[in-house]
Structures are given as C-alpha cells and as structure tokens.
Amino acid sequence: MTSAVGAALALAEEVPVALVFNGITHAVMMASPNDLEDFALGFAFTEGLIENPSQLFGVDVIYQTKGIELQLEVAAQTEARLKQRRRSMAGRTGCGLCGADSLDQVKLALPQAPEVRIDIDAMHCAHAHMRALQPLKLQTGATHAAAWSDTQGQITLLREDVGRHNALDKLIGALLKASIEVQQGFICITSRASFEMVQKTVMAGVGMLTAVSAPTRLAVDMAEQHNLALAGLVRGNTFTAYSHSSRFMTFQPIAAQA
C-alpha cells in the first residue's frame, strides 16, 4: 500500500510563557509567541485578577533562553488578590486548571451575560470566513483561533494560538484594548466549548459564544445559568443551539464579506 506525501507545513511555535504579576509568578502556559500583550491583559481579566484594564499599568515581554516572561505591573489591590489566589500552573498546551490550589479556584464568581440576538446567516458567514484570517493555521495546520464578529457576521478581530484557551484570552485582551462594545457582537471559536471557554466569555461581558465543535455538559449548564447564548457544531449551514436558542434568529440574507 502506498500513500501520497504532501508538502510539509511549517511547524507551529510552542513556548513556555510565564505570567509574572508585580514579581509574583502566577502561571506558566505553553503558548504561541504572538500577541503576548493581548494575552497578558486577557488572561489577567478572565482569571479575575484585574477588574478592568486600567488596573494593568504595563507589560514587559522578556525573551529568555528557556521561554518568555510577561512581567505585568498591576495595581496594589490586584497584587493582594493574586496573593490570595496564587497558584503555579506548569500546564499542558492552553491548560487552564493544571496546578490549581483548590476546587474553589475552578469556578469563578460570574456576572450575567448580556442578551444578544443574531441572524443565523450572520453566524455562518463569520465562521465561513475565519480560516482565511488565520495565517498561523494556514502555515502550520496546528493552531486554534478565536474571533470577534459584529451582528452582521463581519469579523473585526481574530487571534491565534496553539492553545484554545490562550487564543480566547488573546482575543479578549484585544477587545479590552480596543474598547469594543461587546454587547454588539459575538465570539467564534475553532474548538470545542469547554466550561472554561464559557467562563472566559461571560467574564468578558459577551452574550454569545459559537463553536465549531460541541460543548461539554458543564459548559451548557454554565451558559444557561449565566444567560450566555451558546451554539456548537457550527459547520456549513448547520448548527446546534445548546442554550437560549431563541436568540439565534432568521432575518434577512447577510451580504458576503469582501
């Protein structure tokens, strides 16, 4: 039996990235070494370590032989919160729980997500155009993406990473930096919707999460409890609404993106 061998793709970079808050190491994540300032801000926010972007005064990206160190300068109240929740996470790619000190750190106190309604065609339009906007995926075939779409299905921000959690943190950091009105759009992801992906989306104040793969039961339960509209298996012209299905609607045909 013979098999065809295609041209080799470039290999995705995967490096240890340490997040250090006011000199205190909080986490070491395996991540793609791009959009690291977005990653730092998004991670700090979705982990509940800062309450708003103004509490992050600056990020220094320090390249070292063994990896990268993100040195975050944060407000004093954030440092106190960090000391209470300190954990060491030498995790797998994009792992968000490895090394947590206690079960209390798994689920964060979450707000209620805003109510967002979208045209189903807009959701499919956004997902259909994601691949063309993922240069790392096209080069390596090994990365995930998280994208922000407006209610018309137009993607305005996209971030990539070898870890799905990291890609979402990078996107949320970019949304915070750009001061985008998150009640007027939704997030698309190229992975399954785990409970942590739902948790990060709700923490960001976003009202809808749409995923290429299916969610977990805990993710659906969390979405229901916190008012997040959640769709999975978004492929071609089909999808499954797992929570708040009435918010996925049919209006007028959406114009194709340029």
C-alpha atoms as a PDB file:
ATOM      1  CA  MET A   1       0.000   0.000   0.000  1.00  0.00           C
ATOM      2  CA  THR A   2       1.308   3.430  -0.868  1.00  0.00           C
ATOM      3  CA  SER A   3       0.273   6.828   0.391  1.00  0.00           C
ATOM      4  CA  ALA A   4       0.684  10.286  -1.059  1.00  0.00           C
ATOM      5  CA  VAL A   5       3.004  12.630   0.783  1.00  0.00           C
ATOM      6  CA  GLY A   6       2.149  16.307   0.630  1.00  0.00           C
ATOM      7  CA  ALA A   7       4.423  19.267   1.064  1.00  0.00           C
ATOM      8  CA  ALA A   8       5.482  19.714   4.672  1.00  0.00           C
ATOM      9  CA  LEU A   9       3.877  22.590   6.539  1.00  0.00           C
ATOM     10  CA  ALA A  10       5.811  24.929   8.766  1.00  0.00           C
ATOM     11  CA  LEU A  11       5.801  23.904  12.428  1.00  0.00           C
ATOM     12  CA  ALA A  12       3.880  25.933  14.982  1.00  0.00           C
ATOM     13  CA  GLU A  13       5.914  27.565  17.736  1.00  0.00           C
ATOM     14  CA  GLU A  14       5.053  26.431  21.270  1.00  0.00           C
ATOM     15  CA  VAL A  15       6.993  28.022  24.120  1.00  0.00           C
ATOM     16  CA  PRO A  16       6.662  28.352  27.899  1.00  0.00           C
ATOM     17  CA  VAL A  17       5.212  31.752  28.759  1.00  0.00           C
ATOM     18  CA  ALA A  18       5.399  32.823  32.401  1.00  0.00           C
ATOM     19  CA  LEU A  19       2.917  35.430  33.644  1.00  0.00           C
ATOM     20  CA  VAL A  20       4.528  37.402  36.459  1.00  0.00           C
ATOM     21  CA  PHE A  21       2.414  39.932  38.389  1.00  0.00           C
ATOM     22  CA  ASN A  22       4.454  42.516  40.320  1.00  0.00           C
ATOM     23  CA  GLY A  23       7.251  39.996  40.621  1.00  0.00           C
ATOM     24  CA  ILE A  24       4.966  37.097  41.606  1.00  0.00           C
ATOM     25  CA  THR A  25       4.805  34.217  39.132  1.00  0.00           C
ATOM     26  CA  HIS A  26       1.173  33.186  38.756  1.00  0.00           C
ATOM     27  CA  ALA A  27       1.192  30.804  35.789  1.00  0.00           C
ATOM     28  CA  VAL A  28       3.371  29.184  33.157  1.00  0.00           C
ATOM     29  CA  MET A  29       1.441  28.428  29.982  1.00  0.00           C
ATOM     30  CA  MET A  30       2.513  26.723  26.777  1.00  0.00           C
ATOM     31  CA  ALA A  31       1.583  29.231  24.090  1.00  0.00           C
ATOM     32  CA  SER A  32       2.325  30.698  20.684  1.00  0.00           C
ATOM     33  CA  PRO A  33       4.723  33.646  20.993  1.00  0.00           C
ATOM     34  CA  ASN A  34       2.493  36.216  19.265  1.00  0.00           C
ATOM     35  CA  ASP A  35       0.110  38.927  20.538  1.00  0.00           C
ATOM     36  CA  LEU A  36       1.573  38.465  24.014  1.00  0.00           C
ATOM     37  CA  GLU A  37       0.411  41.800  25.422  1.00  0.00           C
ATOM     38  CA  ASP A  38      -3.142  40.903  24.424  1.00  0.00           C
ATOM     39  CA  PHE A  39      -2.606  37.535  26.118  1.00  0.00           C
ATOM     40  CA  ALA A  40      -1.392  39.162  29.327  1.00  0.00           C
ATOM     41  CA  LEU A  41      -4.368  41.513  29.548  1.00  0.00           C
ATOM     42  CA  GLY A  42      -6.941  38.891  28.571  1.00  0.00           C
ATOM     43  CA  PHE A  43      -5.548  36.297  30.983  1.00  0.00           C
ATOM     44  CA  ALA A  44      -5.438  38.755  33.886  1.00  0.00           C
ATOM     45  CA  PHE A  45      -9.020  39.801  33.228  1.00  0.00           C
ATOM     46  CA  THR A  46     -10.594  36.393  32.619  1.00  0.00           C
ATOM     47  CA  GLU A  47      -8.813  34.921  35.645  1.00  0.00           C
ATOM     48  CA  GLY A  48     -10.408  37.615  37.798  1.00  0.00           C
ATOM     49  CA  LEU A  49      -7.031  39.076  38.776  1.00  0.00           C
ATOM     50  CA  ILE A  50      -7.940  42.545  37.497  1.00  0.00           C
ATOM     51  CA  GLU A  51     -11.412  44.055  37.353  1.00  0.00           C
ATOM     52  CA  ASN A  52     -10.750  46.457  34.466  1.00  0.00           C
ATOM     53  CA  PRO A  53      -7.894  47.217  32.031  1.00  0.00           C
ATOM     54  CA  SER A  54      -6.871  50.347  33.957  1.00  0.00           C
ATOM     55  CA  GLN A  55      -5.526  48.109  36.743  1.00  0.00           C
ATOM     56  CA  LEU A  56      -2.838  46.816  34.374  1.00  0.00           C
ATOM     57  CA  PHE A  57      -0.223  49.557  34.159  1.00  0.00           C
ATOM     58  CA  GLY A  58       2.167  47.875  31.737  1.00  0.00           C
ATOM     59  CA  VAL A  59       3.537  44.647  30.293  1.00  0.00           C
ATOM     60  CA  ASP A  60       7.199  43.923  29.606  1.00  0.00           C
ATOM     61  CA  VAL A  61       7.906  40.986  27.300  1.00  0.00           C
ATOM     62  CA  ILE A  62      11.226  39.403  28.316  1.00  0.00           C
ATOM     63  CA  TYR A  63      12.681  36.800  25.957  1.00  0.00           C
ATOM     64  CA  GLN A  64      14.836  34.236  27.718  1.00  0.00           C
ATOM     65  CA  THR A  65      16.678  31.095  26.659  1.00  0.00           C
ATOM     66  CA  LYS A  66      14.054  28.777  28.136  1.00  0.00           C
ATOM     67  CA  GLY A  67      10.987  30.763  27.174  1.00  0.00           C
ATOM     68  CA  ILE A  68       9.242  34.108  27.577  1.00  0.00           C
ATOM     69  CA  GLU A  69       8.381  36.040  30.715  1.00  0.00           C
ATOM     70  CA  LEU A  70       5.488  38.501  30.717  1.00  0.00           C
ATOM     71  CA  GLN A  71       6.099  40.951  33.543  1.00  0.00           C
ATOM     72  CA  LEU A  72       2.812  42.634  34.406  1.00  0.00           C
ATOM     73  CA  GLU A  73       2.723  45.755  36.560  1.00  0.00           C
ATOM     74  CA  VAL A  74      -0.652  45.816  38.284  1.00  0.00           C
ATOM     75  CA  ALA A  75      -2.480  47.875  40.894  1.00  0.00           C
ATOM     76  CA  ALA A  76      -1.907  47.145  44.582  1.00  0.00           C
ATOM     77  CA  GLN A  77      -5.391  45.678  45.095  1.00  0.00           C
ATOM     78  CA  THR A  78      -4.699  43.266  42.255  1.00  0.00           C
ATOM     79  CA  GLU A  79      -1.474  42.128  43.897  1.00  0.00           C
ATOM     80  CA  ALA A  80      -3.374  41.436  47.110  1.00  0.00           C
ATOM     81  CA  ARG A  81      -5.977  39.423  45.170  1.00  0.00           C
ATOM     82  CA  LEU A  82      -3.216  37.485  43.463  1.00  0.00           C
ATOM     83  CA  LYS A  83      -1.600  36.525  46.755  1.00  0.00           C
ATOM     84  CA  GLN A  84      -4.940  35.147  47.942  1.00  0.00           C
ATOM     85  CA  ARG A  85      -5.418  33.063  44.791  1.00  0.00           C
ATOM     86  CA  ARG A  86      -1.828  32.265  43.971  1.00  0.00           C
ATOM     87  CA  ARG A  87      -1.266  29.097  42.038  1.00  0.00           C
ATOM     88  CA  SER A  88       1.514  27.555  39.991  1.00  0.00           C
ATOM     89  CA  MET A  89       0.402  26.246  36.591  1.00  0.00           C
ATOM     90  CA  ALA A  90       3.073  24.347  34.661  1.00  0.00           C
ATOM     91  CA  GLY A  91       0.356  23.118  32.340  1.00  0.00           C
ATOM     92  CA  ARG A  92      -0.106  21.440  29.020  1.00  0.00           C
ATOM     93  CA  THR A  93      -0.875  23.495  25.936  1.00  0.00           C
ATOM     94  CA  GLY A  94      -3.556  26.023  26.834  1.00  0.00           C
ATOM     95  CA  CYS A  95      -4.309  24.234  30.107  1.00  0.00           C
ATOM     96  CA  GLY A  96      -6.290  26.463  32.419  1.00  0.00           C
ATOM     97  CA  LEU A  97      -6.629  24.298  35.517  1.00  0.00           C
ATOM     98  CA  CYS A  98      -3.363  22.401  35.994  1.00  0.00           C
ATOM     99  CA  GLY A  99      -1.913  23.138  39.421  1.00  0.00           C
ATOM    100  CA  ALA A 100      -4.952  24.911  40.874  1.00  0.00           C
ATOM    101  CA  ASP A 101      -4.627  25.040  44.631  1.00  0.00           C
ATOM    102  CA  SER A 102      -8.249  24.164  45.390  1.00  0.00           C
ATOM    103  CA  LEU A 103     -11.608  23.328  43.825  1.00  0.00           C
ATOM    104  CA  ASP A 104     -12.782  26.824  44.762  1.00  0.00           C
ATOM    105  CA  GLN A 105     -10.464  28.205  42.071  1.00  0.00           C
ATOM    106  CA  VAL A 106     -12.068  26.200  39.281  1.00  0.00           C
ATOM    107  CA  LYS A 107     -15.297  28.200  39.046  1.00  0.00           C
ATOM    108  CA  LEU A 108     -15.112  31.974  39.357  1.00  0.00           C
ATOM    109  CA  ALA A 109     -17.898  34.283  40.505  1.00  0.00           C
ATOM    110  CA  LEU A 110     -19.505  35.295  37.212  1.00  0.00           C
ATOM    111  CA  PRO A 111     -21.820  38.112  36.121  1.00  0.00           C
ATOM    112  CA  GLN A 112     -24.874  37.587  33.949  1.00  0.00           C
ATOM    113  CA  ALA A 113     -24.121  37.857  30.251  1.00  0.00           C
ATOM    114  CA  PRO A 114     -25.989  40.471  28.198  1.00  0.00           C
ATOM    115  CA  GLU A 115     -28.786  39.309  25.921  1.00  0.00           C
ATOM    116  CA  VAL A 116     -27.539  39.188  22.322  1.00  0.00           C
ATOM    117  CA  ARG A 117     -29.611  38.101  19.315  1.00  0.00           C
ATOM    118  CA  ILE A 118     -28.118  37.387  15.903  1.00  0.00           C
ATOM    119  CA  ASP A 119     -29.167  36.268  12.467  1.00  0.00           C
ATOM    120  CA  ILE A 120     -28.205  32.636  11.907  1.00  0.00           C
ATOM    121  CA  ASP A 121     -26.825  33.616   8.489  1.00  0.00           C
ATOM    122  CA  ALA A 122     -24.516  36.123  10.184  1.00  0.00           C
ATOM    123  CA  MET A 123     -23.115  33.377  12.421  1.00  0.00           C
ATOM    124  CA  HIS A 124     -22.454  31.093   9.463  1.00  0.00           C
ATOM    125  CA  CYS A 125     -20.949  33.984   7.488  1.00  0.00           C
ATOM    126  CA  ALA A 126     -18.465  34.727  10.269  1.00  0.00           C
ATOM    127  CA  HIS A 127     -17.433  31.094  10.684  1.00  0.00           C
ATOM    128  CA  ALA A 128     -17.066  30.620   6.931  1.00  0.00           C
ATOM    129  CA  HIS A 129     -14.508  33.412   6.724  1.00  0.00           C
ATOM    130  CA  MET A 130     -12.415  32.528   9.754  1.00  0.00           C
ATOM    131  CA  ARG A 131      -9.955  30.197   8.049  1.00  0.00           C
ATOM    132  CA  ALA A 132      -8.776  32.837   5.579  1.00  0.00           C
ATOM    133  CA  LEU A 133      -7.985  35.111   8.525  1.00  0.00           C
ATOM    134  CA  GLN A 134      -5.755  32.561  10.309  1.00  0.00           C
ATOM    135  CA  PRO A 135      -2.212  32.858   8.910  1.00  0.00           C
ATOM    136  CA  LEU A 136      -0.724  30.533  11.541  1.00  0.00           C
ATOM    137  CA  LYS A 137      -3.331  27.881  10.807  1.00  0.00           C
ATOM    138  CA  LEU A 138      -2.686  28.148   7.072  1.00  0.00           C
ATOM    139  CA  GLN A 139       1.082  27.883   7.601  1.00  0.00           C
ATOM    140  CA  THR A 140       1.115  25.122  10.208  1.00  0.00           C
ATOM    141  CA  GLY A 141      -2.281  23.432  10.478  1.00  0.00           C
ATOM    142  CA  ALA A 142      -1.755  23.350  14.262  1.00  0.00           C
ATOM    143  CA  THR A 143      -3.404  26.390  15.824  1.00  0.00           C
ATOM    144  CA  HIS A 144      -6.786  27.412  17.188  1.00  0.00           C
ATOM    145  CA  ALA A 145      -8.470  30.770  16.693  1.00  0.00           C
ATOM    146  CA  ALA A 146     -10.960  32.965  18.499  1.00  0.00           C
ATOM    147  CA  ALA A 147     -12.663  35.749  16.568  1.00  0.00           C
ATOM    148  CA  TRP A 148     -14.954  38.687  17.269  1.00  0.00           C
ATOM    149  CA  SER A 149     -17.808  39.258  14.867  1.00  0.00           C
ATOM    150  CA  ASP A 150     -20.326  42.059  14.766  1.00  0.00           C
ATOM    151  CA  THR A 151     -24.005  41.217  14.484  1.00  0.00           C
ATOM    152  CA  GLN A 152     -23.765  41.344  10.684  1.00  0.00           C
ATOM    153  CA  GLY A 153     -21.245  38.500  10.584  1.00  0.00           C
ATOM    154  CA  GLN A 154     -18.219  40.708   9.882  1.00  0.00           C
ATOM    155  CA  ILE A 155     -15.076  39.582  11.742  1.00  0.00           C
ATOM    156  CA  THR A 156     -13.176  42.579  13.085  1.00  0.00           C
ATOM    157  CA  LEU A 157     -10.648  40.856  15.399  1.00  0.00           C
ATOM    158  CA  LEU A 158      -9.046  37.411  15.401  1.00  0.00           C
ATOM    159  CA  ARG A 159      -6.288  35.886  17.487  1.00  0.00           C
ATOM    160  CA  GLU A 160      -4.487  32.538  17.134  1.00  0.00           C
ATOM    161  CA  ASP A 161      -2.618  30.212  19.465  1.00  0.00           C
ATOM    162  CA  VAL A 162      -1.673  26.559  19.817  1.00  0.00           C
ATOM    163  CA  GLY A 163      -3.963  26.542  22.866  1.00  0.00           C
ATOM    164  CA  ARG A 164      -7.674  27.279  22.530  1.00  0.00           C
ATOM    165  CA  HIS A 165      -7.846  28.987  25.946  1.00  0.00           C
ATOM    166  CA  ASN A 166      -4.890  31.155  25.015  1.00  0.00           C
ATOM    167  CA  ALA A 167      -6.463  32.184  21.702  1.00  0.00           C
ATOM    168  CA  LEU A 168      -9.589  33.294  23.557  1.00  0.00           C
ATOM    169  CA  ASP A 169      -7.577  35.191  26.173  1.00  0.00           C
ATOM    170  CA  LYS A 170      -5.694  36.970  23.389  1.00  0.00           C
ATOM    171  CA  LEU A 171      -8.954  37.935  21.706  1.00  0.00           C
ATOM    172  CA  ILE A 172     -10.475  39.201  24.949  1.00  0.00           C
ATOM    173  CA  GLY A 173      -7.334  41.228  25.633  1.00  0.00           C
ATOM    174  CA  ALA A 174      -7.572  42.753  22.164  1.00  0.00           C
ATOM    175  CA  LEU A 175     -11.267  43.558  22.724  1.00  0.00           C
ATOM    176  CA  LEU A 176     -10.451  45.285  26.013  1.00  0.00           C
ATOM    177  CA  LYS A 177      -7.604  47.305  24.467  1.00  0.00           C
ATOM    178  CA  ALA A 178      -9.827  48.417  21.590  1.00  0.00           C
ATOM    179  CA  SER A 179     -12.720  49.320  23.943  1.00  0.00           C
ATOM    180  CA  ILE A 180     -15.122  47.445  21.675  1.00  0.00           C
ATOM    181  CA  GLU A 181     -18.790  47.423  22.666  1.00  0.00           C
ATOM    182  CA  VAL A 182     -19.145  43.723  23.363  1.00  0.00           C
ATOM    183  CA  GLN A 183     -22.942  43.824  23.566  1.00  0.00           C
ATOM    184  CA  GLN A 184     -22.976  44.287  19.800  1.00  0.00           C
ATOM    185  CA  GLY A 185     -21.480  41.023  18.581  1.00  0.00           C
ATOM    186  CA  PHE A 186     -20.389  37.504  19.415  1.00  0.00           C
ATOM    187  CA  ILE A 187     -17.321  35.258  19.707  1.00  0.00           C
ATOM    188  CA  CYS A 188     -16.479  32.425  17.298  1.00  0.00           C
ATOM    189  CA  ILE A 189     -14.030  29.687  18.247  1.00  0.00           C
ATOM    190  CA  THR A 190     -12.468  26.854  16.255  1.00  0.00           C
ATOM    191  CA  SER A 191     -12.544  24.390  19.141  1.00  0.00           C
ATOM    192  CA  ARG A 192     -14.981  22.718  21.483  1.00  0.00           C
ATOM    193  CA  ALA A 193     -16.724  24.920  24.023  1.00  0.00           C
ATOM    194  CA  SER A 194     -15.451  23.715  27.386  1.00  0.00           C
ATOM    195  CA  PHE A 195     -16.763  25.229  30.604  1.00  0.00           C
ATOM    196  CA  GLU A 196     -13.661  27.415  30.819  1.00  0.00           C
ATOM    197  CA  MET A 197     -14.268  28.855  27.348  1.00  0.00           C
ATOM    198  CA  VAL A 198     -17.797  29.701  28.503  1.00  0.00           C
ATOM    199  CA  GLN A 199     -16.452  31.148  31.750  1.00  0.00           C
ATOM    200  CA  LYS A 200     -13.959  33.391  29.959  1.00  0.00           C
ATOM    201  CA  THR A 201     -16.639  34.599  27.534  1.00  0.00           C
ATOM    202  CA  VAL A 202     -19.012  35.503  30.363  1.00  0.00           C
ATOM    203  CA  MET A 203     -16.193  37.226  32.287  1.00  0.00           C
ATOM    204  CA  ALA A 204     -15.571  39.369  29.200  1.00  0.00           C
ATOM    205  CA  GLY A 205     -19.191  40.554  29.194  1.00  0.00           C
ATOM    206  CA  VAL A 206     -20.003  38.876  25.872  1.00  0.00           C
ATOM    207  CA  GLY A 207     -23.504  37.476  25.351  1.00  0.00           C
ATOM    208  CA  MET A 208     -22.945  34.770  22.733  1.00  0.00           C
ATOM    209  CA  LEU A 209     -20.350  32.071  22.032  1.00  0.00           C
ATOM    210  CA  THR A 210     -20.371  29.980  18.850  1.00  0.00           C
ATOM    211  CA  ALA A 211     -18.093  26.980  18.422  1.00  0.00           C
ATOM    212  CA  VAL A 212     -17.093  24.628  15.627  1.00  0.00           C
ATOM    213  CA  SER A 213     -17.255  21.622  17.964  1.00  0.00           C
ATOM    214  CA  ALA A 214     -19.716  20.581  20.651  1.00  0.00           C
ATOM    215  CA  PRO A 215     -19.731  21.859  24.241  1.00  0.00           C
ATOM    216  CA  THR A 216     -19.493  19.832  27.408  1.00  0.00           C
ATOM    217  CA  ARG A 217     -22.420  19.379  29.791  1.00  0.00           C
ATOM    218  CA  LEU A 218     -20.810  21.663  32.363  1.00  0.00           C
ATOM    219  CA  ALA A 219     -20.345  24.339  29.692  1.00  0.00           C
ATOM    220  CA  VAL A 220     -24.032  24.170  28.758  1.00  0.00           C
ATOM    221  CA  ASP A 221     -25.108  24.317  32.401  1.00  0.00           C
ATOM    222  CA  MET A 222     -22.890  27.342  32.989  1.00  0.00           C
ATOM    223  CA  ALA A 223     -24.186  29.074  29.850  1.00  0.00           C
ATOM    224  CA  GLU A 224     -27.790  28.537  30.962  1.00  0.00           C
ATOM    225  CA  GLN A 225     -27.087  29.813  34.465  1.00  0.00           C
ATOM    226  CA  HIS A 226     -25.304  32.955  33.290  1.00  0.00           C
ATOM    227  CA  ASN A 227     -27.527  33.973  30.363  1.00  0.00           C
ATOM    228  CA  LEU A 228     -24.999  33.119  27.624  1.00  0.00           C
ATOM    229  CA  ALA A 229     -26.340  32.016  24.245  1.00  0.00           C
ATOM    230  CA  LEU A 230     -24.227  29.028  23.225  1.00  0.00           C
ATOM    231  CA  ALA A 231     -24.056  27.340  19.811  1.00  0.00           C
ATOM    232  CA  GLY A 232     -21.927  24.374  18.830  1.00  0.00           C
ATOM    233  CA  LEU A 233     -21.229  22.244  15.771  1.00  0.00           C
ATOM    234  CA  VAL A 234     -21.336  25.361  13.603  1.00  0.00           C
ATOM    235  CA  ARG A 235     -20.400  23.849  10.252  1.00  0.00           C
ATOM    236  CA  GLY A 236     -21.566  24.702   6.758  1.00  0.00           C
ATOM    237  CA  ASN A 237     -25.197  25.749   7.103  1.00  0.00           C
ATOM    238  CA  THR A 238     -25.956  23.782  10.256  1.00  0.00           C
ATOM    239  CA  PHE A 239     -25.511  24.300  13.981  1.00  0.00           C
ATOM    240  CA  THR A 240     -26.948  23.250  17.319  1.00  0.00           C
ATOM    241  CA  ALA A 241     -28.202  25.764  19.871  1.00  0.00           C
ATOM    242  CA  TYR A 242     -27.358  24.475  23.353  1.00  0.00           C
ATOM    243  CA  SER A 243     -28.635  27.387  25.438  1.00  0.00           C
ATOM    244  CA  HIS A 244     -31.026  30.294  24.872  1.00  0.00           C
ATOM    245  CA  SER A 245     -31.944  29.030  21.415  1.00  0.00           C
ATOM    246  CA  SER A 246     -34.469  31.816  20.784  1.00  0.00           C
ATOM    247  CA  ARG A 247     -31.585  34.275  20.306  1.00  0.00           C
ATOM    248  CA  PHE A 248     -30.477  32.544  17.101  1.00  0.00           C
ATOM    249  CA  MET A 249     -32.858  34.043  14.585  1.00  0.00           C
ATOM    250  CA  THR A 250     -33.578  34.276  10.865  1.00  0.00           C
ATOM    251  CA  PHE A 251     -33.809  37.813   9.464  1.00  0.00           C
ATOM    252  CA  GLN A 252     -32.649  38.920   6.015  1.00  0.00           C
ATOM    253  CA  PRO A 253     -29.831  37.339   3.937  1.00  0.00           C
ATOM    254  CA  ILE A 254     -26.407  38.577   5.009  1.00  0.00           C
ATOM    255  CA  ALA A 255     -24.122  40.016   2.329  1.00  0.00           C
ATOM    256  CA  ALA A 256     -20.870  38.087   1.815  1.00  0.00           C
ATOM    257  CA  GLN A 257     -17.690  39.575   3.234  1.00  0.00           C
ATOM    258  CA  ALA A 258     -15.312  41.165   0.757  1.00  0.00           C
END
